[in-house]
Amino acid sequence: MNKNKLFPLSLSGGEVEITLKVRAHGESYKLVHVFREPTAVDKKVFYGCMSRAELTGGSPTEGGTGYLGAIETLYDRCILRVEGYDLPDPGDRGGAWKEVIPIEHKYWAVEELLRQEGTLAEETAKN
């Protein structure tokens, strides 16, 4: 019997649900973002966006997107669906709905996603 402790590569079986509680316009909203688990490639792209931004002085025209751009890239790559938003076309499967989600919500959701999933050290992601 193998007594070695093995690191799990898949924590939740494929989907990660992040719930945000937001107050706006005097109302409280429960907003759910459902992601697929980020792969090592997704995380590498995420850290790569930040690294290119640092190398180019943060100029998006030269391939660097900075932290917010990296957040939005990871969000767009991994998001499956959202709940609690009044979307213009709730049946849209093409992903145009991603454009109307506020960047702050994307930021909060991805920050929590990375906390739950664990993160690669930047040096590891570059290799």
C-alpha atoms as a PDB file:
ATOM      1  CA  MET A   1       0.000   0.000   0.000  1.00  0.00           C
ATOM      2  CA  ASN A   2       1.384   3.400  -1.063  1.00  0.00           C
ATOM      3  CA  LYS A   3       1.551   5.776   1.906  1.00  0.00           C
ATOM      4  CA  ASN A   4       2.857   8.761  -0.065  1.00  0.00           C
ATOM      5  CA  LYS A   5       0.681  11.828   0.009  1.00  0.00           C
ATOM      6  CA  LEU A   6      -0.123  12.810  -3.597  1.00  0.00           C
ATOM      7  CA  PHE A   7      -0.895  16.347  -4.733  1.00  0.00           C
ATOM      8  CA  PRO A   8      -4.360  16.524  -6.383  1.00  0.00           C
ATOM      9  CA  LEU A   9      -4.251  17.990  -9.879  1.00  0.00           C
ATOM     10  CA  SER A  10      -8.026  18.421 -10.020  1.00  0.00           C
ATOM     11  CA  LEU A  11      -9.629  19.904  -6.922  1.00  0.00           C
ATOM     12  CA  SER A  12     -13.328  19.976  -7.720  1.00  0.00           C
ATOM     13  CA  GLY A  13     -13.955  17.746 -10.693  1.00  0.00           C
ATOM     14  CA  GLY A  14     -13.893  20.438 -13.338  1.00  0.00           C
ATOM     15  CA  GLU A  15     -16.031  23.391 -12.213  1.00  0.00           C
ATOM     16  CA  VAL A  16     -15.368  26.076  -9.636  1.00  0.00           C
ATOM     17  CA  GLU A  17     -18.246  28.258  -8.455  1.00  0.00           C
ATOM     18  CA  ILE A  18     -17.423  31.726  -7.150  1.00  0.00           C
ATOM     19  CA  THR A  19     -20.190  33.718  -5.453  1.00  0.00           C
ATOM     20  CA  LEU A  20     -19.919  37.484  -5.130  1.00  0.00           C
ATOM     21  CA  LYS A  21     -22.178  39.519  -2.889  1.00  0.00           C
ATOM     22  CA  VAL A  22     -22.454  43.031  -4.292  1.00  0.00           C
ATOM     23  CA  ARG A  23     -24.354  46.095  -3.092  1.00  0.00           C
ATOM     24  CA  ALA A  24     -25.290  48.628  -5.746  1.00  0.00           C
ATOM     25  CA  HIS A  25     -28.102  51.144  -6.195  1.00  0.00           C
ATOM     26  CA  GLY A  26     -29.348  50.406  -2.679  1.00  0.00           C
ATOM     27  CA  GLU A  27     -29.834  46.696  -3.470  1.00  0.00           C
ATOM     28  CA  SER A  28     -27.912  43.518  -2.629  1.00  0.00           C
ATOM     29  CA  TYR A  29     -27.105  41.034  -5.387  1.00  0.00           C
ATOM     30  CA  LYS A  30     -25.812  37.459  -5.334  1.00  0.00           C
ATOM     31  CA  LEU A  31     -23.710  36.979  -8.453  1.00  0.00           C
ATOM     32  CA  VAL A  32     -22.351  33.561  -9.380  1.00  0.00           C
ATOM     33  CA  HIS A  33     -19.420  32.976 -11.730  1.00  0.00           C
ATOM     34  CA  VAL A  34     -18.865  29.361 -12.762  1.00  0.00           C
ATOM     35  CA  PHE A  35     -15.406  28.585 -14.127  1.00  0.00           C
ATOM     36  CA  ARG A  36     -13.766  25.488 -15.445  1.00  0.00           C
ATOM     37  CA  GLU A  37     -10.624  24.744 -13.477  1.00  0.00           C
ATOM     38  CA  PRO A  38      -7.695  26.701 -14.913  1.00  0.00           C
ATOM     39  CA  THR A  39      -5.124  24.443 -16.506  1.00  0.00           C
ATOM     40  CA  ALA A  40      -1.375  24.911 -16.190  1.00  0.00           C
ATOM     41  CA  VAL A  41      -1.496  26.452 -19.682  1.00  0.00           C
ATOM     42  CA  ASP A  42      -4.186  28.942 -18.569  1.00  0.00           C
ATOM     43  CA  LYS A  43      -2.045  29.993 -15.611  1.00  0.00           C
ATOM     44  CA  LYS A  44       1.028  30.254 -17.821  1.00  0.00           C
ATOM     45  CA  VAL A  45      -0.858  32.570 -20.194  1.00  0.00           C
ATOM     46  CA  PHE A  46      -2.068  34.601 -17.192  1.00  0.00           C
ATOM     47  CA  TYR A  47       1.444  35.117 -15.821  1.00  0.00           C
ATOM     48  CA  GLY A  48       2.782  35.605 -19.341  1.00  0.00           C
ATOM     49  CA  CYS A  49       0.425  38.547 -19.870  1.00  0.00           C
ATOM     50  CA  MET A  50       1.871  40.243 -16.808  1.00  0.00           C
ATOM     51  CA  SER A  51       5.464  39.408 -17.722  1.00  0.00           C
ATOM     52  CA  ARG A  52       5.107  40.835 -21.233  1.00  0.00           C
ATOM     53  CA  ALA A  53       3.540  43.968 -19.768  1.00  0.00           C
ATOM     54  CA  GLU A  54       6.520  44.402 -17.453  1.00  0.00           C
ATOM     55  CA  LEU A  55       8.987  43.910 -20.293  1.00  0.00           C
ATOM     56  CA  THR A  56       7.242  46.352 -22.638  1.00  0.00           C
ATOM     57  CA  GLY A  57       6.377  48.962 -20.042  1.00  0.00           C
ATOM     58  CA  GLY A  58       2.733  47.866 -19.965  1.00  0.00           C
ATOM     59  CA  SER A  59       1.926  48.822 -23.537  1.00  0.00           C
ATOM     60  CA  PRO A  60      -0.977  46.674 -24.835  1.00  0.00           C
ATOM     61  CA  THR A  61       0.084  47.404 -28.418  1.00  0.00           C
ATOM     62  CA  GLU A  62       3.333  45.547 -27.759  1.00  0.00           C
ATOM     63  CA  GLY A  63       1.716  42.445 -26.275  1.00  0.00           C
ATOM     64  CA  GLY A  64       1.667  43.471 -22.610  1.00  0.00           C
ATOM     65  CA  THR A  65      -1.681  43.682 -20.865  1.00  0.00           C
ATOM     66  CA  GLY A  66      -0.764  44.288 -17.224  1.00  0.00           C
ATOM     67  CA  TYR A  67      -2.554  42.781 -14.265  1.00  0.00           C
ATOM     68  CA  LEU A  68      -6.112  43.770 -15.213  1.00  0.00           C
ATOM     69  CA  GLY A  69      -5.570  42.504 -18.755  1.00  0.00           C
ATOM     70  CA  ALA A  70      -4.173  39.237 -17.398  1.00  0.00           C
ATOM     71  CA  ILE A  71      -7.221  38.911 -15.102  1.00  0.00           C
ATOM     72  CA  GLU A  72      -9.582  39.479 -18.038  1.00  0.00           C
ATOM     73  CA  THR A  73      -7.662  36.978 -20.185  1.00  0.00           C
ATOM     74  CA  LEU A  74      -7.917  34.265 -17.528  1.00  0.00           C
ATOM     75  CA  TYR A  75     -11.585  35.111 -16.943  1.00  0.00           C
ATOM     76  CA  ASP A  76     -12.414  34.851 -20.652  1.00  0.00           C
ATOM     77  CA  ARG A  77     -10.490  31.591 -21.027  1.00  0.00           C
ATOM     78  CA  CYS A  78     -12.107  29.813 -18.054  1.00  0.00           C
ATOM     79  CA  ILE A  79     -15.583  31.266 -17.457  1.00  0.00           C
ATOM     80  CA  LEU A  80     -18.442  28.910 -18.329  1.00  0.00           C
ATOM     81  CA  ARG A  81     -21.483  30.885 -17.201  1.00  0.00           C
ATOM     82  CA  VAL A  82     -22.768  33.522 -14.799  1.00  0.00           C
ATOM     83  CA  GLU A  83     -25.944  33.781 -12.747  1.00  0.00           C
ATOM     84  CA  GLY A  84     -27.641  36.802 -11.222  1.00  0.00           C
ATOM     85  CA  TYR A  85     -27.004  39.231 -14.075  1.00  0.00           C
ATOM     86  CA  ASP A  86     -29.659  40.764 -16.314  1.00  0.00           C
ATOM     87  CA  LEU A  87     -27.902  39.744 -19.531  1.00  0.00           C
ATOM     88  CA  PRO A  88     -29.071  41.186 -22.863  1.00  0.00           C
ATOM     89  CA  ASP A  89     -29.294  37.669 -24.364  1.00  0.00           C
ATOM     90  CA  PRO A  90     -29.210  34.991 -21.623  1.00  0.00           C
ATOM     91  CA  GLY A  91     -29.166  32.218 -24.230  1.00  0.00           C
ATOM     92  CA  ASP A  92     -26.028  33.554 -25.943  1.00  0.00           C
ATOM     93  CA  ARG A  93     -23.549  30.699 -26.107  1.00  0.00           C
ATOM     94  CA  GLY A  94     -21.055  32.666 -28.222  1.00  0.00           C
ATOM     95  CA  GLY A  95     -19.628  34.533 -25.259  1.00  0.00           C
ATOM     96  CA  ALA A  96     -20.671  38.095 -26.170  1.00  0.00           C
ATOM     97  CA  TRP A  97     -22.170  38.334 -22.667  1.00  0.00           C
ATOM     98  CA  LYS A  98     -18.618  38.383 -21.252  1.00  0.00           C
ATOM     99  CA  GLU A  99     -18.228  41.923 -22.566  1.00  0.00           C
ATOM    100  CA  VAL A 100     -20.986  43.304 -20.298  1.00  0.00           C
ATOM    101  CA  ILE A 101     -19.689  41.849 -17.027  1.00  0.00           C
ATOM    102  CA  PRO A 102     -18.036  44.711 -15.083  1.00  0.00           C
ATOM    103  CA  ILE A 103     -14.241  44.463 -14.913  1.00  0.00           C
ATOM    104  CA  GLU A 104     -14.410  44.790 -11.120  1.00  0.00           C
ATOM    105  CA  HIS A 105     -16.562  41.651 -10.937  1.00  0.00           C
ATOM    106  CA  LYS A 106     -14.140  39.787 -13.201  1.00  0.00           C
ATOM    107  CA  TYR A 107     -11.286  40.930 -10.975  1.00  0.00           C
ATOM    108  CA  TRP A 108     -12.990  39.812  -7.746  1.00  0.00           C
ATOM    109  CA  ALA A 109     -14.048  36.471  -9.253  1.00  0.00           C
ATOM    110  CA  VAL A 110     -10.610  35.643 -10.681  1.00  0.00           C
ATOM    111  CA  GLU A 111      -8.850  36.682  -7.471  1.00  0.00           C
ATOM    112  CA  GLU A 112     -11.065  34.235  -5.566  1.00  0.00           C
ATOM    113  CA  LEU A 113     -10.607  31.562  -8.241  1.00  0.00           C
ATOM    114  CA  LEU A 114      -6.826  31.807  -7.894  1.00  0.00           C
ATOM    115  CA  ARG A 115      -7.099  31.702  -4.084  1.00  0.00           C
ATOM    116  CA  GLN A 116      -9.194  28.537  -4.257  1.00  0.00           C
ATOM    117  CA  GLU A 117      -7.120  26.844  -6.917  1.00  0.00           C
ATOM    118  CA  GLY A 118      -3.706  27.872  -5.624  1.00  0.00           C
ATOM    119  CA  THR A 119      -1.290  29.720  -7.844  1.00  0.00           C
ATOM    120  CA  LEU A 120       1.971  28.984  -9.541  1.00  0.00           C
ATOM    121  CA  ALA A 121       4.921  31.060  -8.458  1.00  0.00           C
ATOM    122  CA  GLU A 122       5.761  33.459 -11.300  1.00  0.00           C
ATOM    123  CA  GLU A 123       9.186  31.857 -11.709  1.00  0.00           C
ATOM    124  CA  THR A 124       7.583  28.420 -12.100  1.00  0.00           C
ATOM    125  CA  ALA A 125       5.024  29.702 -14.606  1.00  0.00           C
ATOM    126  CA  LYS A 126       7.780  31.166 -16.807  1.00  0.00           C
ATOM    127  CA  ASN A 127       9.484  27.766 -17.198  1.00  0.00           C
END
